[in-house]
Amino acid sequence: MYSSKISGLGYYVPENVVTNNDLTQWMDTSDEWIQERTGIKERRWIDPKTGDTTSSMGAKAATIAIERAGLTNNDIDFIIFATLSPDMYFPGGGVRVQDLLGMPTIGALDIRNQCSGFIYSLSVADQFIKTGMYKNILVIGSENHSGGLERSTRGRGVTVIFGDGAGAAVLSRSEEKGKGILSSHLHSEGKHAKELALEGPATGRWVDAIMKDNDPDDVSYYPYMNGQFVFKHAVVRFSEAIMEGLEANKLKKEDIDMLIPHQANLRIAQFIQKKFQLSDDKVYNNIQKYGNTTAASVIIALTEAWEKGKINDGDLVVLAAFGSGFTWGSVVIKW
């Protein structure tokens, strides 16, 4: 069986910076209120004038990752695209990227696991590589949250958290043993699905029903999050997923060189860091700059950490995420 390694990384975020103070034009909030609860100082939101979309941002990140892998678009055998905010209800973003990058008629798979989307995508790609089916797989996480957020005081509990952006990784076949992706671990608990969800428009509550009711208090087409409930579950599941990955590879928390947690809330990441007794140089957070970019957050943070020289050959890197579904998971990598 082959090994799979990350051969290229890239990310793209819109140029439009939205600070906490900028949000006060739409809602009753403050920089202090947002930072105290989330750690976020600013985020990137697409400027509609630019024409950026979930798919086009993914394609821009992918172009960087493919070039850094020393490959061309024609070398990619398969695309896995993670998002909760596709350009269209269907088809998904994977086929849009295939078209935008002028790739051959390779397969494209979309994964809808929200915050854990990149973790799930990386795990799926790893299996394709290890079994020998594909040699180079493009894995993308991309989100356009700003197009669907409620910019009002009523929606501030969700709106202040989320940002737009995309990240991409090229996963390639390797015959080097003991390096690359060592293991991945995936979980779900669907009974909590409605604690972090967007219920409509969807087949269970389609556009005509929403328009028929004409209810100004109907928020089913905006994201909903039970913040405290999600926080309490996140800190538990994050810890479990990380420990599961370490134990599966007979490793200890002291072996971690870099932990890249999903950028959901800086307080969650700090809680996990303290629990695992990791120093600041062993955990990478960038939620302060970008907010929560859901499926894109882990890959954007991973790329930034690598660009800054915080990840080096032979390092043990752990990726972990928790989010809507509930779904969560971890990936353990020997760089």
C-alpha atoms as a PDB file:
ATOM      1  CA  MET A   1       0.000   0.000   0.000  1.00  0.00           C
ATOM      2  CA  TYR A   2       1.219   3.499  -0.858  1.00  0.00           C
ATOM      3  CA  SER A   3       1.591   6.471   1.457  1.00  0.00           C
ATOM      4  CA  SER A   4       0.022   9.860   0.782  1.00  0.00           C
ATOM      5  CA  LYS A   5       1.734  13.171   1.411  1.00  0.00           C
ATOM      6  CA  ILE A   6       0.793  16.819   1.039  1.00  0.00           C
ATOM      7  CA  SER A   7       2.916  18.030  -1.868  1.00  0.00           C
ATOM      8  CA  GLY A   8       1.465  21.514  -2.301  1.00  0.00           C
ATOM      9  CA  LEU A   9      -0.497  24.101  -0.301  1.00  0.00           C
ATOM     10  CA  GLY A  10      -2.240  27.349  -1.194  1.00  0.00           C
ATOM     11  CA  TYR A  11      -4.911  29.724   0.023  1.00  0.00           C
ATOM     12  CA  TYR A  12      -6.868  32.738  -1.162  1.00  0.00           C
ATOM     13  CA  VAL A  13      -8.906  35.277   0.808  1.00  0.00           C
ATOM     14  CA  PRO A  14     -10.809  38.292  -0.517  1.00  0.00           C
ATOM     15  CA  GLU A  15      -9.052  41.661  -0.263  1.00  0.00           C
ATOM     16  CA  ASN A  16     -12.081  43.244   1.436  1.00  0.00           C
ATOM     17  CA  VAL A  17     -11.339  43.453   5.189  1.00  0.00           C
ATOM     18  CA  VAL A  18     -14.330  43.839   7.525  1.00  0.00           C
ATOM     19  CA  THR A  19     -13.354  44.896  11.037  1.00  0.00           C
ATOM     20  CA  ASN A  20     -15.427  44.518  14.168  1.00  0.00           C
ATOM     21  CA  ASN A  21     -16.017  48.250  14.113  1.00  0.00           C
ATOM     22  CA  ASP A  22     -17.333  47.977  10.547  1.00  0.00           C
ATOM     23  CA  LEU A  23     -20.050  45.619  11.785  1.00  0.00           C
ATOM     24  CA  THR A  24     -21.504  48.325  14.034  1.00  0.00           C
ATOM     25  CA  GLN A  25     -23.131  49.923  10.968  1.00  0.00           C
ATOM     26  CA  TRP A  26     -25.478  46.917  10.757  1.00  0.00           C
ATOM     27  CA  MET A  27     -25.904  45.779  14.348  1.00  0.00           C
ATOM     28  CA  ASP A  28     -25.607  46.648  18.011  1.00  0.00           C
ATOM     29  CA  THR A  29     -22.148  45.300  18.799  1.00  0.00           C
ATOM     30  CA  SER A  30     -18.603  46.411  19.556  1.00  0.00           C
ATOM     31  CA  ASP A  31     -15.041  45.360  18.992  1.00  0.00           C
ATOM     32  CA  GLU A  32     -14.703  44.513  22.687  1.00  0.00           C
ATOM     33  CA  TRP A  33     -17.879  42.368  22.693  1.00  0.00           C
ATOM     34  CA  ILE A  34     -16.772  40.328  19.671  1.00  0.00           C
ATOM     35  CA  GLN A  35     -13.151  39.841  20.765  1.00  0.00           C
ATOM     36  CA  GLU A  36     -14.181  38.798  24.279  1.00  0.00           C
ATOM     37  CA  ARG A  37     -16.473  36.060  22.957  1.00  0.00           C
ATOM     38  CA  THR A  38     -14.631  34.859  19.865  1.00  0.00           C
ATOM     39  CA  GLY A  39     -11.125  36.318  19.670  1.00  0.00           C
ATOM     40  CA  ILE A  40     -11.928  37.710  16.213  1.00  0.00           C
ATOM     41  CA  LYS A  41     -10.674  41.166  15.233  1.00  0.00           C
ATOM     42  CA  GLU A  42     -11.558  41.149  11.537  1.00  0.00           C
ATOM     43  CA  ARG A  43     -12.614  38.882   8.700  1.00  0.00           C
ATOM     44  CA  ARG A  44     -12.650  38.904   4.896  1.00  0.00           C
ATOM     45  CA  TRP A  45     -15.938  39.256   3.057  1.00  0.00           C
ATOM     46  CA  ILE A  46     -16.300  39.065  -0.706  1.00  0.00           C
ATOM     47  CA  ASP A  47     -16.896  42.393  -2.425  1.00  0.00           C
ATOM     48  CA  PRO A  48     -19.615  41.513  -4.972  1.00  0.00           C
ATOM     49  CA  LYS A  49     -17.929  43.823  -7.497  1.00  0.00           C
ATOM     50  CA  THR A  50     -14.969  41.430  -7.730  1.00  0.00           C
ATOM     51  CA  GLY A  51     -17.036  38.489  -8.968  1.00  0.00           C
ATOM     52  CA  ASP A  52     -15.446  36.148  -6.432  1.00  0.00           C
ATOM     53  CA  THR A  53     -17.461  33.009  -5.672  1.00  0.00           C
ATOM     54  CA  THR A  54     -16.933  29.895  -3.592  1.00  0.00           C
ATOM     55  CA  SER A  55     -15.687  28.034  -6.670  1.00  0.00           C
ATOM     56  CA  SER A  56     -13.491  30.805  -8.073  1.00  0.00           C
ATOM     57  CA  MET A  57     -11.778  31.293  -4.703  1.00  0.00           C
ATOM     58  CA  GLY A  58     -11.204  27.545  -4.548  1.00  0.00           C
ATOM     59  CA  ALA A  59      -9.700  27.628  -8.047  1.00  0.00           C
ATOM     60  CA  LYS A  60      -7.344  30.484  -7.084  1.00  0.00           C
ATOM     61  CA  ALA A  61      -6.138  28.598  -3.995  1.00  0.00           C
ATOM     62  CA  ALA A  62      -5.788  25.414  -6.049  1.00  0.00           C
ATOM     63  CA  THR A  63      -3.623  27.128  -8.669  1.00  0.00           C
ATOM     64  CA  ILE A  64      -1.122  28.088  -5.972  1.00  0.00           C
ATOM     65  CA  ALA A  65      -1.137  24.606  -4.408  1.00  0.00           C
ATOM     66  CA  ILE A  66      -0.632  22.846  -7.763  1.00  0.00           C
ATOM     67  CA  GLU A  67       2.271  25.123  -8.698  1.00  0.00           C
ATOM     68  CA  ARG A  68       3.938  24.574  -5.318  1.00  0.00           C
ATOM     69  CA  ALA A  69       3.569  20.819  -5.797  1.00  0.00           C
ATOM     70  CA  GLY A  70       5.585  21.145  -9.006  1.00  0.00           C
ATOM     71  CA  LEU A  71       2.642  19.879 -11.037  1.00  0.00           C
ATOM     72  CA  THR A  72       0.359  21.126 -13.781  1.00  0.00           C
ATOM     73  CA  ASN A  73      -3.425  21.043 -13.916  1.00  0.00           C
ATOM     74  CA  ASN A  74      -3.187  18.030 -16.208  1.00  0.00           C
ATOM     75  CA  ASP A  75      -1.395  16.057 -13.475  1.00  0.00           C
ATOM     76  CA  ILE A  76      -4.425  16.144 -11.143  1.00  0.00           C
ATOM     77  CA  ASP A  77      -6.417  12.885 -11.174  1.00  0.00           C
ATOM     78  CA  PHE A  78      -9.356  13.807  -8.945  1.00  0.00           C
ATOM     79  CA  ILE A  79     -10.942  16.786  -7.165  1.00  0.00           C
ATOM     80  CA  ILE A  80     -12.530  16.814  -3.707  1.00  0.00           C
ATOM     81  CA  PHE A  81     -14.329  20.052  -2.848  1.00  0.00           C
ATOM     82  CA  ALA A  82     -15.571  20.806   0.684  1.00  0.00           C
ATOM     83  CA  THR A  83     -18.073  23.605   1.272  1.00  0.00           C
ATOM     84  CA  LEU A  84     -21.427  24.491   2.847  1.00  0.00           C
ATOM     85  CA  SER A  85     -21.849  27.485   0.527  1.00  0.00           C
ATOM     86  CA  PRO A  86     -21.734  26.298  -3.103  1.00  0.00           C
ATOM     87  CA  ASP A  87     -22.277  28.754  -5.951  1.00  0.00           C
ATOM     88  CA  MET A  88     -25.475  26.910  -6.829  1.00  0.00           C
ATOM     89  CA  TYR A  89     -27.788  24.507  -5.005  1.00  0.00           C
ATOM     90  CA  PHE A  90     -26.512  22.041  -7.604  1.00  0.00           C
ATOM     91  CA  PRO A  91     -24.189  21.146  -9.217  1.00  0.00           C
ATOM     92  CA  GLY A  92     -21.384  21.371  -6.691  1.00  0.00           C
ATOM     93  CA  GLY A  93     -18.164  23.358  -6.662  1.00  0.00           C
ATOM     94  CA  GLY A  94     -15.883  20.509  -7.711  1.00  0.00           C
ATOM     95  CA  VAL A  95     -17.049  20.512 -11.314  1.00  0.00           C
ATOM     96  CA  ARG A  96     -16.835  24.311 -11.415  1.00  0.00           C
ATOM     97  CA  VAL A  97     -13.166  24.117 -10.415  1.00  0.00           C
ATOM     98  CA  GLN A  98     -12.525  21.441 -13.050  1.00  0.00           C
ATOM     99  CA  ASP A  99     -13.941  23.859 -15.633  1.00  0.00           C
ATOM    100  CA  LEU A 100     -12.276  27.007 -14.308  1.00  0.00           C
ATOM    101  CA  LEU A 101      -8.849  25.340 -14.337  1.00  0.00           C
ATOM    102  CA  GLY A 102      -9.360  23.706 -17.726  1.00  0.00           C
ATOM    103  CA  MET A 103      -8.639  20.249 -16.365  1.00  0.00           C
ATOM    104  CA  PRO A 104      -9.293  16.982 -18.197  1.00  0.00           C
ATOM    105  CA  THR A 105     -12.585  15.184 -17.532  1.00  0.00           C
ATOM    106  CA  ILE A 106     -11.466  13.902 -14.145  1.00  0.00           C
ATOM    107  CA  GLY A 107     -13.862  13.045 -11.333  1.00  0.00           C
ATOM    108  CA  ALA A 108     -15.032  15.696  -8.888  1.00  0.00           C
ATOM    109  CA  LEU A 109     -16.583  14.967  -5.504  1.00  0.00           C
ATOM    110  CA  ASP A 110     -18.276  17.486  -3.198  1.00  0.00           C
ATOM    111  CA  ILE A 111     -18.308  16.959   0.572  1.00  0.00           C
ATOM    112  CA  ARG A 112     -20.884  18.709   2.750  1.00  0.00           C
ATOM    113  CA  ASN A 113     -19.509  18.344   6.264  1.00  0.00           C
ATOM    114  CA  GLN A 114     -19.270  22.023   7.074  1.00  0.00           C
ATOM    115  CA  CYS A 115     -16.542  22.779   9.655  1.00  0.00           C
ATOM    116  CA  SER A 116     -15.059  19.279   9.473  1.00  0.00           C
ATOM    117  CA  GLY A 117     -15.295  19.250   5.674  1.00  0.00           C
ATOM    118  CA  PHE A 118     -11.574  19.528   4.997  1.00  0.00           C
ATOM    119  CA  ILE A 119     -10.754  16.800   7.535  1.00  0.00           C
ATOM    120  CA  TYR A 120     -13.270  14.460   5.889  1.00  0.00           C
ATOM    121  CA  SER A 121     -12.007  15.407   2.418  1.00  0.00           C
ATOM    122  CA  LEU A 122      -8.394  14.743   3.330  1.00  0.00           C
ATOM    123  CA  SER A 123      -9.364  11.355   4.754  1.00  0.00           C
ATOM    124  CA  VAL A 124     -11.226  10.380   1.568  1.00  0.00           C
ATOM    125  CA  ALA A 125      -8.323  11.516  -0.614  1.00  0.00           C
ATOM    126  CA  ASP A 126      -5.899   9.547   1.551  1.00  0.00           C
ATOM    127  CA  GLN A 127      -7.806   6.322   0.909  1.00  0.00           C
ATOM    128  CA  PHE A 128      -7.823   6.873  -2.868  1.00  0.00           C
ATOM    129  CA  ILE A 129      -4.064   7.495  -2.835  1.00  0.00           C
ATOM    130  CA  LYS A 130      -3.140   4.614  -0.547  1.00  0.00           C
ATOM    131  CA  THR A 131      -5.097   2.057  -2.553  1.00  0.00           C
ATOM    132  CA  GLY A 132      -3.365   3.162  -5.754  1.00  0.00           C
ATOM    133  CA  MET A 133      -6.486   4.435  -7.523  1.00  0.00           C
ATOM    134  CA  TYR A 134      -5.135   7.988  -7.945  1.00  0.00           C
ATOM    135  CA  LYS A 135      -1.713   9.608  -7.835  1.00  0.00           C
ATOM    136  CA  ASN A 136      -2.468  13.308  -7.280  1.00  0.00           C
ATOM    137  CA  ILE A 137      -5.689  14.588  -5.719  1.00  0.00           C
ATOM    138  CA  LEU A 138      -6.702  18.224  -5.336  1.00  0.00           C
ATOM    139  CA  VAL A 139      -8.462  18.848  -2.012  1.00  0.00           C
ATOM    140  CA  ILE A 140     -10.208  22.202  -1.571  1.00  0.00           C
ATOM    141  CA  GLY A 141     -12.081  23.891   1.262  1.00  0.00           C
ATOM    142  CA  SER A 142     -13.872  27.108   0.277  1.00  0.00           C
ATOM    143  CA  GLU A 143     -16.646  29.253   1.746  1.00  0.00           C
ATOM    144  CA  ASN A 144     -18.675  32.339   0.852  1.00  0.00           C
ATOM    145  CA  HIS A 145     -20.451  33.004   4.145  1.00  0.00           C
ATOM    146  CA  SER A 146     -21.025  36.715   3.683  1.00  0.00           C
ATOM    147  CA  GLY A 147     -23.625  36.156   0.984  1.00  0.00           C
ATOM    148  CA  GLY A 148     -25.989  34.427   3.432  1.00  0.00           C
ATOM    149  CA  LEU A 149     -25.515  36.139   6.790  1.00  0.00           C
ATOM    150  CA  GLU A 150     -28.158  38.209   8.562  1.00  0.00           C
ATOM    151  CA  ARG A 151     -26.573  41.630   8.968  1.00  0.00           C
ATOM    152  CA  SER A 152     -28.647  42.813  11.885  1.00  0.00           C
ATOM    153  CA  THR A 153     -28.627  42.792  15.674  1.00  0.00           C
ATOM    154  CA  ARG A 154     -30.883  39.724  15.584  1.00  0.00           C
ATOM    155  CA  GLY A 155     -28.273  37.781  13.630  1.00  0.00           C
ATOM    156  CA  ARG A 156     -25.107  39.085  15.261  1.00  0.00           C
ATOM    157  CA  GLY A 157     -24.402  35.923  17.293  1.00  0.00           C
ATOM    158  CA  VAL A 158     -23.617  34.157  14.025  1.00  0.00           C
ATOM    159  CA  THR A 159     -22.731  36.974  11.637  1.00  0.00           C
ATOM    160  CA  VAL A 160     -19.760  38.337  13.609  1.00  0.00           C
ATOM    161  CA  ILE A 161     -18.063  34.923  13.524  1.00  0.00           C
ATOM    162  CA  PHE A 162     -17.886  33.974   9.867  1.00  0.00           C
ATOM    163  CA  GLY A 163     -15.585  34.991   7.027  1.00  0.00           C
ATOM    164  CA  ASP A 164     -14.927  34.091   3.400  1.00  0.00           C
ATOM    165  CA  GLY A 165     -11.891  32.328   1.938  1.00  0.00           C
ATOM    166  CA  ALA A 166     -10.454  29.195   0.397  1.00  0.00           C
ATOM    167  CA  GLY A 167      -7.545  26.830   0.848  1.00  0.00           C
ATOM    168  CA  ALA A 168      -6.244  23.924  -1.191  1.00  0.00           C
ATOM    169  CA  ALA A 169      -3.857  21.004  -0.833  1.00  0.00           C
ATOM    170  CA  VAL A 170      -2.466  18.562  -3.348  1.00  0.00           C
ATOM    171  CA  LEU A 171      -2.232  15.061  -1.910  1.00  0.00           C
ATOM    172  CA  SER A 172       0.275  12.894  -3.780  1.00  0.00           C
ATOM    173  CA  ARG A 173       1.371   9.267  -3.822  1.00  0.00           C
ATOM    174  CA  SER A 174       4.558   8.427  -1.949  1.00  0.00           C
ATOM    175  CA  GLU A 175       6.481   5.236  -1.281  1.00  0.00           C
ATOM    176  CA  GLU A 176       8.285   6.713   1.736  1.00  0.00           C
ATOM    177  CA  LYS A 177       7.178   4.751   4.776  1.00  0.00           C
ATOM    178  CA  GLY A 178       6.375   6.410   8.070  1.00  0.00           C
ATOM    179  CA  LYS A 179       5.741   9.835   6.538  1.00  0.00           C
ATOM    180  CA  GLY A 180       2.709  11.617   5.146  1.00  0.00           C
ATOM    181  CA  ILE A 181      -0.768  10.969   6.513  1.00  0.00           C
ATOM    182  CA  LEU A 182      -0.490   8.394   9.283  1.00  0.00           C
ATOM    183  CA  SER A 183      -4.199   8.105  10.100  1.00  0.00           C
ATOM    184  CA  SER A 184      -7.548   9.871  10.049  1.00  0.00           C
ATOM    185  CA  HIS A 185     -10.466   9.572  12.449  1.00  0.00           C
ATOM    186  CA  LEU A 186     -14.041  10.634  11.651  1.00  0.00           C
ATOM    187  CA  HIS A 187     -17.192  10.858  13.807  1.00  0.00           C
ATOM    188  CA  SER A 188     -20.741  12.202  13.850  1.00  0.00           C
ATOM    189  CA  GLU A 189     -23.678  12.651  16.232  1.00  0.00           C
ATOM    190  CA  GLY A 190     -26.751  13.588  14.226  1.00  0.00           C
ATOM    191  CA  LYS A 191     -29.109  14.015  17.159  1.00  0.00           C
ATOM    192  CA  HIS A 192     -27.608  17.486  17.608  1.00  0.00           C
ATOM    193  CA  ALA A 193     -28.051  18.490  13.962  1.00  0.00           C
ATOM    194  CA  LYS A 194     -30.371  21.426  14.653  1.00  0.00           C
ATOM    195  CA  GLU A 195     -28.056  23.022  17.219  1.00  0.00           C
ATOM    196  CA  LEU A 196     -25.959  24.402  14.353  1.00  0.00           C
ATOM    197  CA  ALA A 197     -27.876  24.459  11.107  1.00  0.00           C
ATOM    198  CA  LEU A 198     -29.463  26.313   8.218  1.00  0.00           C
ATOM    199  CA  GLU A 199     -32.848  24.702   7.633  1.00  0.00           C
ATOM    200  CA  GLY A 200     -34.014  26.388   4.440  1.00  0.00           C
ATOM    201  CA  PRO A 201     -34.441  26.873   1.620  1.00  0.00           C
ATOM    202  CA  ALA A 202     -34.203  23.117   1.290  1.00  0.00           C
ATOM    203  CA  THR A 203     -36.501  20.345   0.167  1.00  0.00           C
ATOM    204  CA  GLY A 204     -38.006  20.203   3.651  1.00  0.00           C
ATOM    205  CA  ARG A 205     -38.846  23.908   3.500  1.00  0.00           C
ATOM    206  CA  TRP A 206     -38.634  25.214  -0.034  1.00  0.00           C
ATOM    207  CA  VAL A 207     -38.768  28.768  -1.348  1.00  0.00           C
ATOM    208  CA  ASP A 208     -42.524  28.745  -2.014  1.00  0.00           C
ATOM    209  CA  ALA A 209     -43.279  27.855   1.618  1.00  0.00           C
ATOM    210  CA  ILE A 210     -41.094  30.667   2.921  1.00  0.00           C
ATOM    211  CA  MET A 211     -42.677  33.173   0.538  1.00  0.00           C
ATOM    212  CA  LYS A 212     -46.209  31.944   1.298  1.00  0.00           C
ATOM    213  CA  ASP A 213     -45.808  32.437   5.038  1.00  0.00           C
ATOM    214  CA  ASN A 214     -44.294  35.901   4.506  1.00  0.00           C
ATOM    215  CA  ASP A 215     -43.272  35.879   8.154  1.00  0.00           C
ATOM    216  CA  PRO A 216     -40.805  38.676   9.046  1.00  0.00           C
ATOM    217  CA  ASP A 217     -39.706  36.637  12.057  1.00  0.00           C
ATOM    218  CA  ASP A 218     -38.876  33.568   9.960  1.00  0.00           C
ATOM    219  CA  VAL A 219     -35.131  33.001  10.284  1.00  0.00           C
ATOM    220  CA  SER A 220     -35.048  29.463   8.853  1.00  0.00           C
ATOM    221  CA  TYR A 221     -33.079  30.683   5.842  1.00  0.00           C
ATOM    222  CA  TYR A 222     -30.329  32.134   8.052  1.00  0.00           C
ATOM    223  CA  PRO A 223     -27.748  30.052   9.936  1.00  0.00           C
ATOM    224  CA  TYR A 224     -28.646  29.193  13.528  1.00  0.00           C
ATOM    225  CA  MET A 225     -26.167  28.297  16.245  1.00  0.00           C
ATOM    226  CA  ASN A 226     -26.735  27.379  19.881  1.00  0.00           C
ATOM    227  CA  GLY A 227     -23.382  28.856  20.849  1.00  0.00           C
ATOM    228  CA  GLN A 228     -22.951  27.588  24.412  1.00  0.00           C
ATOM    229  CA  PHE A 229     -24.161  24.105  23.513  1.00  0.00           C
ATOM    230  CA  VAL A 230     -21.768  23.915  20.567  1.00  0.00           C
ATOM    231  CA  PHE A 231     -18.864  25.210  22.669  1.00  0.00           C
ATOM    232  CA  LYS A 232     -19.383  22.577  25.402  1.00  0.00           C
ATOM    233  CA  HIS A 233     -19.477  19.735  22.876  1.00  0.00           C
ATOM    234  CA  ALA A 234     -16.593  21.105  20.810  1.00  0.00           C
ATOM    235  CA  VAL A 235     -14.043  21.111  23.626  1.00  0.00           C
ATOM    236  CA  VAL A 236     -14.887  17.491  24.450  1.00  0.00           C
ATOM    237  CA  ARG A 237     -14.888  16.179  20.885  1.00  0.00           C
ATOM    238  CA  PHE A 238     -11.747  18.083  19.896  1.00  0.00           C
ATOM    239  CA  SER A 239      -9.869  16.456  22.744  1.00  0.00           C
ATOM    240  CA  GLU A 240     -11.230  12.981  21.956  1.00  0.00           C
ATOM    241  CA  ALA A 241     -10.325  13.220  18.269  1.00  0.00           C
ATOM    242  CA  ILE A 242      -6.795  14.393  18.975  1.00  0.00           C
ATOM    243  CA  MET A 243      -6.193  11.668  21.563  1.00  0.00           C
ATOM    244  CA  GLU A 244      -7.652   9.036  19.242  1.00  0.00           C
ATOM    245  CA  GLY A 245      -5.177  10.032  16.550  1.00  0.00           C
ATOM    246  CA  LEU A 246      -2.230   9.973  18.926  1.00  0.00           C
ATOM    247  CA  GLU A 247      -3.147   6.625  20.460  1.00  0.00           C
ATOM    248  CA  ALA A 248      -3.693   5.019  17.052  1.00  0.00           C
ATOM    249  CA  ASN A 249      -0.084   5.819  16.209  1.00  0.00           C
ATOM    250  CA  LYS A 250       1.357   5.064  19.674  1.00  0.00           C
ATOM    251  CA  LEU A 251       2.206   8.725  20.194  1.00  0.00           C
ATOM    252  CA  LYS A 252       1.950  11.090  23.160  1.00  0.00           C
ATOM    253  CA  LYS A 253       0.810  14.702  23.335  1.00  0.00           C
ATOM    254  CA  GLU A 254       4.458  15.668  23.836  1.00  0.00           C
ATOM    255  CA  ASP A 255       5.154  14.384  20.321  1.00  0.00           C
ATOM    256  CA  ILE A 256       2.990  17.050  18.696  1.00  0.00           C
ATOM    257  CA  ASP A 257       5.054  19.661  16.854  1.00  0.00           C
ATOM    258  CA  MET A 258       2.099  21.577  15.424  1.00  0.00           C
ATOM    259  CA  LEU A 259      -1.633  21.453  16.150  1.00  0.00           C
ATOM    260  CA  ILE A 260      -3.897  23.122  13.597  1.00  0.00           C
ATOM    261  CA  PRO A 261      -7.401  23.305  15.092  1.00  0.00           C
ATOM    262  CA  HIS A 262     -10.454  24.375  13.128  1.00  0.00           C
ATOM    263  CA  GLN A 263     -10.800  28.108  13.644  1.00  0.00           C
ATOM    264  CA  ALA A 264     -14.245  28.113  15.234  1.00  0.00           C
ATOM    265  CA  ASN A 265     -13.543  30.228  18.297  1.00  0.00           C
ATOM    266  CA  LEU A 266     -10.222  31.301  19.788  1.00  0.00           C
ATOM    267  CA  ARG A 267     -11.492  30.334  23.264  1.00  0.00           C
ATOM    268  CA  ILE A 268     -11.994  26.722  22.135  1.00  0.00           C
ATOM    269  CA  ALA A 269      -8.494  26.554  20.674  1.00  0.00           C
ATOM    270  CA  GLN A 270      -7.001  28.034  23.843  1.00  0.00           C
ATOM    271  CA  PHE A 271      -8.892  25.526  25.985  1.00  0.00           C
ATOM    272  CA  ILE A 272      -7.517  22.631  23.927  1.00  0.00           C
ATOM    273  CA  GLN A 273      -4.008  24.079  23.991  1.00  0.00           C
ATOM    274  CA  LYS A 274      -4.105  24.310  27.770  1.00  0.00           C
ATOM    275  CA  LYS A 275      -5.517  20.813  28.160  1.00  0.00           C
ATOM    276  CA  PHE A 276      -2.749  19.287  26.042  1.00  0.00           C
ATOM    277  CA  GLN A 277      -0.134  21.548  27.645  1.00  0.00           C
ATOM    278  CA  LEU A 278       1.125  22.802  24.302  1.00  0.00           C
ATOM    279  CA  SER A 279       3.281  25.910  24.049  1.00  0.00           C
ATOM    280  CA  ASP A 280       2.253  28.810  21.816  1.00  0.00           C
ATOM    281  CA  ASP A 281       4.708  27.769  19.096  1.00  0.00           C
ATOM    282  CA  LYS A 282       2.960  24.378  18.782  1.00  0.00           C
ATOM    283  CA  VAL A 283      -0.541  25.683  18.029  1.00  0.00           C
ATOM    284  CA  TYR A 284      -1.458  27.875  15.078  1.00  0.00           C
ATOM    285  CA  ASN A 285      -4.473  30.189  15.143  1.00  0.00           C
ATOM    286  CA  ASN A 286      -5.497  32.828  12.623  1.00  0.00           C
ATOM    287  CA  ILE A 287      -9.174  33.313  13.490  1.00  0.00           C
ATOM    288  CA  GLN A 288      -8.219  36.806  14.657  1.00  0.00           C
ATOM    289  CA  LYS A 289      -7.679  37.813  10.996  1.00  0.00           C
ATOM    290  CA  TYR A 290     -10.140  35.673   9.062  1.00  0.00           C
ATOM    291  CA  GLY A 291     -12.945  34.621  11.404  1.00  0.00           C
ATOM    292  CA  ASN A 292     -14.419  31.154  10.995  1.00  0.00           C
ATOM    293  CA  THR A 293     -14.109  30.111   7.338  1.00  0.00           C
ATOM    294  CA  THR A 294     -15.678  26.700   8.051  1.00  0.00           C
ATOM    295  CA  ALA A 295     -14.393  24.097   5.527  1.00  0.00           C
ATOM    296  CA  ALA A 296     -11.572  26.451   4.552  1.00  0.00           C
ATOM    297  CA  SER A 297     -10.295  27.223   8.049  1.00  0.00           C
ATOM    298  CA  VAL A 298      -7.981  24.266   8.683  1.00  0.00           C
ATOM    299  CA  ILE A 299      -6.365  24.396   5.258  1.00  0.00           C
ATOM    300  CA  ILE A 300      -5.885  28.182   5.345  1.00  0.00           C
ATOM    301  CA  ALA A 301      -4.272  27.912   8.785  1.00  0.00           C
ATOM    302  CA  LEU A 302      -2.133  24.941   7.717  1.00  0.00           C
ATOM    303  CA  THR A 303      -0.899  26.827   4.657  1.00  0.00           C
ATOM    304  CA  GLU A 304      -0.079  29.962   6.651  1.00  0.00           C
ATOM    305  CA  ALA A 305       1.782  27.990   9.308  1.00  0.00           C
ATOM    306  CA  TRP A 306       3.817  26.228   6.606  1.00  0.00           C
ATOM    307  CA  GLU A 307       4.554  29.511   4.790  1.00  0.00           C
ATOM    308  CA  LYS A 308       5.865  31.014   8.035  1.00  0.00           C
ATOM    309  CA  GLY A 309       8.277  28.111   8.546  1.00  0.00           C
ATOM    310  CA  LYS A 310       6.404  26.764  11.556  1.00  0.00           C
ATOM    311  CA  ILE A 311       6.115  23.295   9.950  1.00  0.00           C
ATOM    312  CA  ASN A 312       9.262  21.486   8.881  1.00  0.00           C
ATOM    313  CA  ASP A 313      10.329  18.121   7.522  1.00  0.00           C
ATOM    314  CA  GLY A 314       9.773  15.363  10.078  1.00  0.00           C
ATOM    315  CA  ASP A 315       7.332  17.360  12.235  1.00  0.00           C
ATOM    316  CA  LEU A 316       4.258  15.680  13.679  1.00  0.00           C
ATOM    317  CA  VAL A 317       1.265  17.755  12.587  1.00  0.00           C
ATOM    318  CA  VAL A 318      -2.242  17.163  13.941  1.00  0.00           C
ATOM    319  CA  LEU A 319      -5.330  18.626  12.280  1.00  0.00           C
ATOM    320  CA  ALA A 320      -8.640  18.615  14.140  1.00  0.00           C
ATOM    321  CA  ALA A 321     -12.130  20.001  13.550  1.00  0.00           C
ATOM    322  CA  PHE A 322     -15.615  20.006  15.042  1.00  0.00           C
ATOM    323  CA  GLY A 323     -18.798  21.488  13.681  1.00  0.00           C
ATOM    324  CA  SER A 324     -22.330  21.222  12.358  1.00  0.00           C
ATOM    325  CA  GLY A 325     -23.816  17.791  12.162  1.00  0.00           C
ATOM    326  CA  PHE A 326     -22.383  17.343  14.709  1.00  0.00           C
ATOM    327  CA  THR A 327     -19.341  15.999  12.895  1.00  0.00           C
ATOM    328  CA  TRP A 328     -15.736  15.978  14.003  1.00  0.00           C
ATOM    329  CA  GLY A 329     -12.411  14.317  13.274  1.00  0.00           C
ATOM    330  CA  SER A 330      -8.646  14.466  13.203  1.00  0.00           C
ATOM    331  CA  VAL A 331      -5.787  13.735  10.832  1.00  0.00           C
ATOM    332  CA  VAL A 332      -2.266  12.880  11.998  1.00  0.00           C
ATOM    333  CA  ILE A 333       0.568  13.735   9.597  1.00  0.00           C
ATOM    334  CA  LYS A 334       4.313  13.095   9.675  1.00  0.00           C
ATOM    335  CA  TRP A 335       5.570  15.963   7.550  1.00  0.00           C
END
